[in-house]
Amino acid sequence: MNIEIKSKLDYESYRDFVRFTLFRGKGYKIGPVLLFTMFPIVILLTLFMGISTHDTLAIILCILFTVLSILFSNLYFNMPRVSYKKSKPLLADEITYRFYDDHVEGDAIGENVKGADSYQYAVFKKIYEVNSAFYLMMTNGMTLILPKHYLDAGQIDYLSKFLATRFDGKYKNYF
């Protein structure tokens, strides 16, 4: 069985991946919504309690939640952009993935990058399928990202079924 896919890693795909890793699991879509609604509510409540009751602990909590919301917002909105800009010279313009029965090969071609890699399926720890991509994770720092917008519907269905059968137990479908 041989599947060949041509792809590349654009900013939107990279951003989605970074955000997915912050909330890995079934709650990756609802996690940011909850946090970005909970932080302002908690900040306002602790601020109100601190001002109305002159409670020092409530004011300290208000400051703490404000700092946490700023830090998390920075992680969620700025980190993907900054990280992508720093990585851009090392990213390939085009990557061709070939899936075989026992391994996957990747050929990368770019301005500063040219190379080929081969990975046995045993090195992949988790496989995630989300609305926009497939994430084949080897470690927390090393993942093959296959954006779906470079694939046609037939390739997506075929790859989805292939990964689900090949990685039984490691494959998670979250879309």
N, C-alpha and C. Protein backbone atom coordinates (compact mmCIF):
# COMPACT_ATOMS: atom_id res chain seq x y z
N MET A 1 0.85 -1.18 0.00
CA MET A 1 0.00 0.00 0.00
C MET A 1 0.89 1.23 0.00
N ASN A 2 0.68 2.13 -0.93
CA ASN A 2 1.51 3.32 -1.07
C ASN A 2 0.60 4.53 -1.24
N ILE A 3 0.73 5.49 -0.34
CA ILE A 3 -0.04 6.73 -0.41
C ILE A 3 0.98 7.87 -0.54
N GLU A 4 0.82 8.72 -1.54
CA GLU A 4 1.72 9.86 -1.70
C GLU A 4 0.93 11.15 -1.55
N ILE A 5 1.45 12.04 -0.71
CA ILE A 5 0.78 13.31 -0.42
C ILE A 5 1.80 14.44 -0.52
N LYS A 6 1.45 15.47 -1.27
CA LYS A 6 2.29 16.67 -1.35
C LYS A 6 1.66 17.72 -0.44
N SER A 7 2.50 18.36 0.36
CA SER A 7 2.00 19.29 1.35
C SER A 7 3.04 20.35 1.63
N LYS A 8 2.68 21.31 2.47
CA LYS A 8 3.63 22.26 3.03
C LYS A 8 3.04 22.79 4.32
N LEU A 9 3.88 23.40 5.12
CA LEU A 9 3.43 23.92 6.40
C LEU A 9 3.31 25.43 6.31
N ASP A 10 2.07 25.91 6.23
CA ASP A 10 1.83 27.35 6.18
C ASP A 10 1.54 27.86 7.59
N TYR A 11 1.42 29.18 7.73
CA TYR A 11 1.24 29.77 9.05
C TYR A 11 -0.05 29.30 9.72
N GLU A 12 -1.16 29.25 9.00
CA GLU A 12 -2.43 28.87 9.60
C GLU A 12 -2.37 27.46 10.16
N SER A 13 -1.76 26.54 9.42
CA SER A 13 -1.64 25.16 9.89
C SER A 13 -0.74 25.08 11.12
N TYR A 14 0.34 25.84 11.12
CA TYR A 14 1.25 25.87 12.26
C TYR A 14 0.54 26.45 13.48
N ARG A 15 -0.17 27.56 13.30
CA ARG A 15 -0.91 28.20 14.39
C ARG A 15 -1.93 27.24 14.98
N ASP A 16 -2.69 26.57 14.13
CA ASP A 16 -3.70 25.61 14.61
C ASP A 16 -3.05 24.49 15.41
N PHE A 17 -1.88 24.03 14.95
CA PHE A 17 -1.19 22.96 15.66
C PHE A 17 -0.74 23.42 17.04
N VAL A 18 -0.14 24.60 17.12
CA VAL A 18 0.32 25.11 18.42
C VAL A 18 -0.86 25.27 19.37
N ARG A 19 -1.95 25.79 18.88
CA ARG A 19 -3.14 25.95 19.73
C ARG A 19 -3.72 24.61 20.13
N PHE A 20 -3.69 23.64 19.24
CA PHE A 20 -4.17 22.29 19.57
C PHE A 20 -3.33 21.69 20.70
N THR A 21 -2.01 21.89 20.65
CA THR A 21 -1.16 21.29 21.68
C THR A 21 -1.38 21.91 23.05
N LEU A 22 -1.90 23.14 23.11
CA LEU A 22 -2.22 23.74 24.41
C LEU A 22 -3.39 23.04 25.07
N PHE A 23 -4.33 22.53 24.28
CA PHE A 23 -5.53 21.88 24.81
C PHE A 23 -5.71 20.50 24.19
N ARG A 24 -4.64 19.73 24.13
CA ARG A 24 -4.70 18.43 23.47
C ARG A 24 -5.80 17.58 24.10
N GLY A 25 -6.64 17.04 23.26
CA GLY A 25 -7.73 16.20 23.72
C GLY A 25 -9.04 16.66 23.12
N LYS A 26 -10.11 16.05 23.59
CA LYS A 26 -11.43 16.36 23.03
C LYS A 26 -11.87 17.79 23.29
N GLY A 27 -11.34 18.41 24.32
CA GLY A 27 -11.74 19.77 24.66
C GLY A 27 -10.93 20.85 23.98
N TYR A 28 -10.19 20.50 22.93
CA TYR A 28 -9.32 21.51 22.32
C TYR A 28 -10.11 22.64 21.66
N LYS A 29 -11.36 22.40 21.29
CA LYS A 29 -12.16 23.47 20.68
C LYS A 29 -12.80 24.36 21.74
N ILE A 30 -13.24 23.76 22.84
CA ILE A 30 -13.98 24.51 23.85
C ILE A 30 -13.05 25.11 24.91
N GLY A 31 -11.84 24.58 25.08
CA GLY A 31 -10.91 25.07 26.09
C GLY A 31 -10.63 26.55 26.01
N PRO A 32 -10.26 27.08 24.85
CA PRO A 32 -10.00 28.52 24.76
C PRO A 32 -11.24 29.37 25.06
N VAL A 33 -12.39 28.92 24.62
CA VAL A 33 -13.63 29.67 24.87
C VAL A 33 -13.88 29.76 26.37
N LEU A 34 -13.73 28.63 27.05
CA LEU A 34 -13.95 28.64 28.50
C LEU A 34 -12.95 29.55 29.21
N LEU A 35 -11.69 29.44 28.84
CA LEU A 35 -10.68 30.25 29.51
C LEU A 35 -10.86 31.74 29.24
N PHE A 36 -11.16 32.09 27.99
CA PHE A 36 -11.28 33.50 27.67
C PHE A 36 -12.59 34.10 28.17
N THR A 37 -13.55 33.29 28.56
CA THR A 37 -14.74 33.83 29.22
C THR A 37 -14.60 33.75 30.74
N MET A 38 -13.91 32.73 31.23
CA MET A 38 -13.75 32.57 32.68
C MET A 38 -12.80 33.62 33.27
N PHE A 39 -11.68 33.88 32.60
CA PHE A 39 -10.71 34.83 33.16
C PHE A 39 -11.34 36.20 33.41
N PRO A 40 -12.02 36.81 32.44
CA PRO A 40 -12.61 38.13 32.74
C PRO A 40 -13.66 38.09 33.85
N ILE A 41 -14.45 37.02 33.89
CA ILE A 41 -15.47 36.91 34.94
C ILE A 41 -14.82 36.80 36.31
N VAL A 42 -13.81 35.95 36.42
CA VAL A 42 -13.12 35.78 37.71
C VAL A 42 -12.41 37.07 38.10
N ILE A 43 -11.80 37.75 37.14
CA ILE A 43 -11.11 39.02 37.44
C ILE A 43 -12.11 40.05 37.96
N LEU A 44 -13.25 40.16 37.29
CA LEU A 44 -14.26 41.13 37.74
C LEU A 44 -14.81 40.77 39.11
N LEU A 45 -15.07 39.48 39.36
CA LEU A 45 -15.58 39.07 40.66
C LEU A 45 -14.59 39.34 41.78
N THR A 46 -13.33 38.96 41.56
CA THR A 46 -12.34 39.20 42.61
C THR A 46 -12.09 40.69 42.80
N LEU A 47 -12.14 41.46 41.73
CA LEU A 47 -11.98 42.91 41.85
C LEU A 47 -13.15 43.50 42.64
N PHE A 48 -14.36 43.08 42.32
CA PHE A 48 -15.54 43.56 43.05
C PHE A 48 -15.46 43.18 44.52
N MET A 49 -15.09 41.91 44.79
CA MET A 49 -14.99 41.47 46.20
C MET A 49 -13.89 42.25 46.92
N GLY A 50 -12.78 42.47 46.23
CA GLY A 50 -11.68 43.19 46.87
C GLY A 50 -12.03 44.63 47.18
N ILE A 51 -12.74 45.29 46.27
CA ILE A 51 -13.10 46.69 46.48
C ILE A 51 -14.22 46.82 47.49
N SER A 52 -15.25 45.96 47.38
CA SER A 52 -16.40 46.11 48.27
C SER A 52 -16.11 45.66 49.69
N THR A 53 -15.27 44.66 49.86
CA THR A 53 -15.00 44.16 51.23
C THR A 53 -13.63 44.56 51.74
N HIS A 54 -12.86 45.25 50.94
CA HIS A 54 -11.48 45.63 51.29
C HIS A 54 -10.65 44.41 51.68
N ASP A 55 -10.89 43.34 50.93
CA ASP A 55 -10.19 42.07 51.18
C ASP A 55 -8.90 42.03 50.38
N THR A 56 -7.78 41.96 51.07
CA THR A 56 -6.47 41.95 50.41
C THR A 56 -6.29 40.70 49.55
N LEU A 57 -6.77 39.57 50.03
CA LEU A 57 -6.63 38.32 49.29
C LEU A 57 -7.36 38.41 47.94
N ALA A 58 -8.53 38.99 47.93
CA ALA A 58 -9.28 39.13 46.68
C ALA A 58 -8.54 40.04 45.70
N ILE A 59 -7.93 41.08 46.18
CA ILE A 59 -7.17 41.97 45.31
C ILE A 59 -5.94 41.26 44.76
N ILE A 60 -5.27 40.48 45.60
CA ILE A 60 -4.11 39.70 45.15
C ILE A 60 -4.55 38.68 44.10
N LEU A 61 -5.67 38.01 44.33
CA LEU A 61 -6.21 37.06 43.34
C LEU A 61 -6.56 37.75 42.03
N CYS A 62 -7.12 38.93 42.12
CA CYS A 62 -7.45 39.70 40.92
C CYS A 62 -6.19 39.99 40.11
N ILE A 63 -5.14 40.40 40.78
CA ILE A 63 -3.86 40.67 40.10
C ILE A 63 -3.31 39.38 39.51
N LEU A 64 -3.37 38.29 40.27
CA LEU A 64 -2.87 37.00 39.79
C LEU A 64 -3.62 36.54 38.54
N PHE A 65 -4.94 36.61 38.57
CA PHE A 65 -5.73 36.18 37.40
C PHE A 65 -5.51 37.10 36.20
N THR A 66 -5.28 38.37 36.46
CA THR A 66 -4.97 39.30 35.36
C THR A 66 -3.65 38.93 34.70
N VAL A 67 -2.64 38.65 35.51
CA VAL A 67 -1.34 38.26 34.98
C VAL A 67 -1.46 36.93 34.22
N LEU A 68 -2.18 35.97 34.79
CA LEU A 68 -2.37 34.68 34.12
C LEU A 68 -3.10 34.84 32.78
N SER A 69 -4.10 35.69 32.75
CA SER A 69 -4.83 35.88 31.49
C SER A 69 -3.95 36.55 30.44
N ILE A 70 -3.09 37.47 30.86
CA ILE A 70 -2.16 38.10 29.91
C ILE A 70 -1.16 37.08 29.39
N LEU A 71 -0.62 36.26 30.29
CA LEU A 71 0.34 35.22 29.88
C LEU A 71 -0.31 34.21 28.93
N PHE A 72 -1.50 33.75 29.28
CA PHE A 72 -2.15 32.77 28.42
C PHE A 72 -2.52 33.37 27.07
N SER A 73 -2.99 34.61 27.07
CA SER A 73 -3.31 35.28 25.81
C SER A 73 -2.07 35.40 24.94
N ASN A 74 -0.94 35.69 25.56
CA ASN A 74 0.31 35.77 24.82
C ASN A 74 0.66 34.41 24.22
N LEU A 75 0.52 33.35 25.01
CA LEU A 75 0.77 32.00 24.50
C LEU A 75 -0.15 31.66 23.34
N TYR A 76 -1.40 31.99 23.48
CA TYR A 76 -2.40 31.59 22.49
C TYR A 76 -2.32 32.40 21.20
N PHE A 77 -2.07 33.71 21.32
CA PHE A 77 -2.12 34.57 20.14
C PHE A 77 -0.75 34.92 19.56
N ASN A 78 0.23 35.22 20.41
CA ASN A 78 1.52 35.70 19.91
C ASN A 78 2.55 34.60 19.67
N MET A 79 2.58 33.58 20.53
CA MET A 79 3.61 32.56 20.42
C MET A 79 3.61 31.85 19.06
N PRO A 80 2.46 31.46 18.51
CA PRO A 80 2.52 30.80 17.20
C PRO A 80 3.14 31.70 16.12
N ARG A 81 2.81 32.98 16.12
CA ARG A 81 3.33 33.90 15.11
C ARG A 81 4.84 34.09 15.25
N VAL A 82 5.29 34.32 16.48
CA VAL A 82 6.72 34.54 16.71
C VAL A 82 7.51 33.26 16.41
N SER A 83 7.00 32.15 16.85
CA SER A 83 7.68 30.87 16.62
C SER A 83 7.74 30.54 15.13
N TYR A 84 6.65 30.81 14.41
CA TYR A 84 6.63 30.53 12.97
C TYR A 84 7.64 31.41 12.24
N LYS A 85 7.71 32.70 12.61
CA LYS A 85 8.66 33.60 11.96
C LYS A 85 10.09 33.14 12.17
N LYS A 86 10.40 32.67 13.38
CA LYS A 86 11.76 32.19 13.66
C LYS A 86 12.06 30.89 12.91
N SER A 87 11.06 30.05 12.72
CA SER A 87 11.24 28.75 12.07
C SER A 87 11.16 28.84 10.56
N LYS A 88 10.60 29.90 10.03
CA LYS A 88 10.32 30.02 8.60
C LYS A 88 11.51 29.68 7.70
N PRO A 89 12.73 30.15 7.99
CA PRO A 89 13.85 29.80 7.10
C PRO A 89 14.16 28.29 7.07
N LEU A 90 13.71 27.57 8.10
CA LEU A 90 13.99 26.13 8.16
C LEU A 90 12.85 25.28 7.61
N LEU A 91 11.76 25.91 7.23
CA LEU A 91 10.61 25.16 6.72
C LEU A 91 10.73 24.95 5.22
N ALA A 92 10.28 23.81 4.79
CA ALA A 92 10.33 23.47 3.37
C ALA A 92 9.18 24.13 2.62
N ASP A 93 9.42 24.44 1.35
CA ASP A 93 8.37 24.98 0.50
C ASP A 93 7.39 23.89 0.10
N GLU A 94 7.89 22.68 -0.02
CA GLU A 94 7.03 21.55 -0.36
C GLU A 94 7.58 20.29 0.29
N ILE A 95 6.68 19.49 0.83
CA ILE A 95 7.04 18.22 1.43
C ILE A 95 6.20 17.14 0.77
N THR A 96 6.84 16.08 0.35
CA THR A 96 6.13 14.94 -0.21
C THR A 96 6.23 13.80 0.79
N TYR A 97 5.08 13.35 1.28
CA TYR A 97 5.02 12.21 2.20
C TYR A 97 4.58 10.99 1.43
N ARG A 98 5.25 9.87 1.67
CA ARG A 98 4.85 8.59 1.10
C ARG A 98 4.65 7.60 2.24
N PHE A 99 3.43 7.09 2.33
CA PHE A 99 3.08 6.13 3.38
C PHE A 99 3.15 4.72 2.80
N TYR A 100 3.95 3.88 3.44
CA TYR A 100 4.08 2.48 3.05
C TYR A 100 3.50 1.60 4.15
N ASP A 101 3.60 0.29 3.98
CA ASP A 101 3.04 -0.63 4.97
C ASP A 101 3.71 -0.52 6.33
N ASP A 102 5.02 -0.24 6.37
CA ASP A 102 5.74 -0.26 7.64
C ASP A 102 6.42 1.06 8.01
N HIS A 103 6.39 2.06 7.12
CA HIS A 103 7.05 3.33 7.42
C HIS A 103 6.48 4.45 6.55
N VAL A 104 6.87 5.67 6.91
CA VAL A 104 6.51 6.85 6.12
C VAL A 104 7.81 7.57 5.76
N GLU A 105 7.88 8.06 4.54
CA GLU A 105 9.04 8.81 4.07
C GLU A 105 8.60 10.24 3.76
N GLY A 106 9.50 11.18 4.01
CA GLY A 106 9.23 12.57 3.70
C GLY A 106 10.39 13.19 2.95
N ASP A 107 10.10 13.83 1.83
CA ASP A 107 11.10 14.56 1.06
C ASP A 107 10.77 16.04 1.15
N ALA A 108 11.71 16.83 1.66
CA ALA A 108 11.50 18.26 1.83
C ALA A 108 12.36 19.04 0.85
N ILE A 109 11.74 20.02 0.22
CA ILE A 109 12.45 20.88 -0.72
C ILE A 109 12.11 22.32 -0.37
N GLY A 110 13.13 23.14 -0.18
CA GLY A 110 12.92 24.54 0.14
C GLY A 110 14.15 25.35 -0.17
N GLU A 111 14.07 26.64 0.09
CA GLU A 111 15.19 27.53 -0.20
C GLU A 111 16.42 27.15 0.63
N ASN A 112 16.21 26.89 1.92
CA ASN A 112 17.32 26.55 2.81
C ASN A 112 17.31 25.08 3.24
N VAL A 113 16.34 24.33 2.74
CA VAL A 113 16.15 22.96 3.20
C VAL A 113 16.04 22.02 2.02
N LYS A 114 16.74 20.92 2.12
CA LYS A 114 16.56 19.84 1.16
C LYS A 114 16.97 18.57 1.87
N GLY A 115 16.06 17.62 1.94
CA GLY A 115 16.40 16.40 2.64
C GLY A 115 15.29 15.38 2.59
N ALA A 116 15.61 14.21 3.07
CA ALA A 116 14.66 13.11 3.11
C ALA A 116 14.77 12.41 4.46
N ASP A 117 13.63 11.99 4.97
CA ASP A 117 13.58 11.26 6.23
C ASP A 117 12.69 10.05 6.06
N SER A 118 12.91 9.07 6.89
CA SER A 118 12.08 7.88 6.92
C SER A 118 11.80 7.53 8.37
N TYR A 119 10.53 7.28 8.70
CA TYR A 119 10.14 6.97 10.07
C TYR A 119 9.36 5.66 10.09
N GLN A 120 9.79 4.74 10.94
CA GLN A 120 9.02 3.53 11.16
C GLN A 120 7.77 3.91 11.94
N TYR A 121 6.68 3.21 11.73
CA TYR A 121 5.43 3.55 12.41
C TYR A 121 5.53 3.39 13.92
N ALA A 122 6.44 2.58 14.40
CA ALA A 122 6.59 2.36 15.83
C ALA A 122 7.00 3.64 16.57
N VAL A 123 7.63 4.61 15.89
CA VAL A 123 8.08 5.83 16.57
C VAL A 123 6.94 6.80 16.85
N PHE A 124 5.80 6.63 16.21
CA PHE A 124 4.68 7.55 16.41
C PHE A 124 3.92 7.17 17.67
N LYS A 125 3.79 8.15 18.57
CA LYS A 125 3.12 7.91 19.86
C LYS A 125 1.63 8.15 19.79
N LYS A 126 1.21 9.18 19.08
CA LYS A 126 -0.21 9.52 18.94
C LYS A 126 -0.45 10.07 17.55
N ILE A 127 -1.62 9.79 17.02
CA ILE A 127 -2.05 10.33 15.74
C ILE A 127 -3.37 11.04 15.99
N TYR A 128 -3.42 12.32 15.68
CA TYR A 128 -4.65 13.10 15.86
C TYR A 128 -5.15 13.55 14.49
N GLU A 129 -6.47 13.40 14.31
CA GLU A 129 -7.11 13.99 13.14
C GLU A 129 -8.07 15.05 13.65
N VAL A 130 -7.88 16.28 13.20
CA VAL A 130 -8.76 17.38 13.56
C VAL A 130 -9.35 17.94 12.27
N ASN A 131 -10.19 18.95 12.38
CA ASN A 131 -10.85 19.51 11.19
C ASN A 131 -9.89 19.91 10.09
N SER A 132 -8.75 20.47 10.48
CA SER A 132 -7.87 21.08 9.48
C SER A 132 -6.63 20.28 9.14
N ALA A 133 -6.31 19.22 9.90
CA ALA A 133 -5.04 18.54 9.66
C ALA A 133 -4.98 17.16 10.32
N PHE A 134 -3.91 16.45 9.96
CA PHE A 134 -3.51 15.23 10.65
C PHE A 134 -2.21 15.58 11.39
N TYR A 135 -2.11 15.18 12.67
CA TYR A 135 -0.90 15.39 13.44
C TYR A 135 -0.34 14.02 13.82
N LEU A 136 0.83 13.69 13.30
CA LEU A 136 1.49 12.43 13.61
C LEU A 136 2.62 12.75 14.59
N MET A 137 2.38 12.50 15.88
CA MET A 137 3.31 12.91 16.93
C MET A 137 4.29 11.79 17.28
N MET A 138 5.56 12.14 17.20
CA MET A 138 6.62 11.23 17.64
C MET A 138 7.01 11.55 19.07
N THR A 139 7.25 12.80 19.36
CA THR A 139 7.52 13.30 20.71
C THR A 139 6.78 14.62 20.83
N ASN A 140 6.85 15.25 22.00
CA ASN A 140 6.20 16.55 22.15
C ASN A 140 6.80 17.60 21.24
N GLY A 141 8.06 17.45 20.88
CA GLY A 141 8.72 18.44 20.04
C GLY A 141 8.82 18.06 18.58
N MET A 142 8.39 16.86 18.23
CA MET A 142 8.54 16.42 16.84
C MET A 142 7.23 15.81 16.34
N THR A 143 6.65 16.48 15.35
CA THR A 143 5.36 16.08 14.81
C THR A 143 5.33 16.30 13.31
N LEU A 144 4.76 15.35 12.59
CA LEU A 144 4.49 15.56 11.17
C LEU A 144 3.10 16.18 11.08
N ILE A 145 3.00 17.33 10.44
CA ILE A 145 1.73 18.05 10.31
C ILE A 145 1.31 17.96 8.85
N LEU A 146 0.14 17.38 8.61
CA LEU A 146 -0.38 17.25 7.26
C LEU A 146 -1.67 18.07 7.14
N PRO A 147 -1.58 19.31 6.68
CA PRO A 147 -2.79 20.14 6.53
C PRO A 147 -3.74 19.53 5.50
N LYS A 148 -5.01 19.50 5.83
CA LYS A 148 -6.00 18.89 4.93
C LYS A 148 -6.29 19.75 3.71
N HIS A 149 -6.07 21.06 3.78
CA HIS A 149 -6.44 21.90 2.63
C HIS A 149 -5.53 21.68 1.43
N TYR A 150 -4.48 20.89 1.58
CA TYR A 150 -3.65 20.51 0.42
C TYR A 150 -4.06 19.16 -0.16
N LEU A 151 -5.06 18.53 0.45
CA LEU A 151 -5.51 17.20 0.02
C LEU A 151 -6.91 17.29 -0.57
N ASP A 152 -7.22 16.39 -1.48
CA ASP A 152 -8.59 16.33 -1.97
C ASP A 152 -9.39 15.40 -1.05
N ALA A 153 -10.70 15.39 -1.22
CA ALA A 153 -11.59 14.63 -0.32
C ALA A 153 -11.25 13.14 -0.33
N GLY A 154 -10.91 12.60 -1.48
CA GLY A 154 -10.57 11.19 -1.57
C GLY A 154 -9.31 10.85 -0.79
N GLN A 155 -8.30 11.72 -0.87
CA GLN A 155 -7.07 11.50 -0.12
C GLN A 155 -7.31 11.59 1.39
N ILE A 156 -8.15 12.54 1.79
CA ILE A 156 -8.45 12.69 3.22
C ILE A 156 -9.13 11.44 3.74
N ASP A 157 -10.15 10.94 3.04
CA ASP A 157 -10.85 9.74 3.47
C ASP A 157 -9.92 8.54 3.51
N TYR A 158 -9.13 8.38 2.47
CA TYR A 158 -8.22 7.24 2.38
C TYR A 158 -7.16 7.30 3.48
N LEU A 159 -6.57 8.47 3.69
CA LEU A 159 -5.55 8.62 4.73
C LEU A 159 -6.15 8.43 6.11
N SER A 160 -7.34 8.92 6.32
CA SER A 160 -8.02 8.76 7.60
C SER A 160 -8.23 7.29 7.92
N LYS A 161 -8.74 6.55 6.96
CA LYS A 161 -8.95 5.11 7.17
C LYS A 161 -7.63 4.37 7.34
N PHE A 162 -6.64 4.73 6.55
CA PHE A 162 -5.33 4.10 6.64
C PHE A 162 -4.72 4.31 8.03
N LEU A 163 -4.73 5.55 8.52
CA LEU A 163 -4.14 5.85 9.82
C LEU A 163 -4.93 5.19 10.95
N ALA A 164 -6.26 5.16 10.82
CA ALA A 164 -7.09 4.53 11.86
C ALA A 164 -6.78 3.04 11.98
N THR A 165 -6.59 2.35 10.86
CA THR A 165 -6.30 0.92 10.92
C THR A 165 -4.84 0.66 11.28
N ARG A 166 -3.92 1.46 10.77
CA ARG A 166 -2.49 1.27 11.02
C ARG A 166 -2.14 1.58 12.47
N PHE A 167 -2.78 2.58 13.05
CA PHE A 167 -2.45 3.03 14.41
C PHE A 167 -3.60 2.81 15.37
N ASP A 168 -4.16 1.63 15.33
CA ASP A 168 -5.28 1.30 16.21
C ASP A 168 -4.88 1.54 17.67
N GLY A 169 -5.65 2.34 18.39
CA GLY A 169 -5.34 2.68 19.76
C GLY A 169 -4.56 3.96 19.91
N LYS A 170 -3.78 4.34 18.91
CA LYS A 170 -3.02 5.59 18.95
C LYS A 170 -3.72 6.68 18.16
N TYR A 171 -4.68 6.31 17.33
CA TYR A 171 -5.37 7.24 16.43
C TYR A 171 -6.56 7.86 17.16
N LYS A 172 -6.63 9.18 17.16
CA LYS A 172 -7.75 9.92 17.78
C LYS A 172 -8.35 10.85 16.74
N ASN A 173 -9.65 10.74 16.55
CA ASN A 173 -10.35 11.59 15.59
C ASN A 173 -11.13 12.64 16.38
N TYR A 174 -10.75 13.90 16.27
CA TYR A 174 -11.36 14.99 17.04
C TYR A 174 -12.08 16.01 16.17
N PHE A 175 -12.67 15.60 15.08
CA PHE A 175 -13.44 16.59 14.32
C PHE A 175 -14.85 16.13 14.11
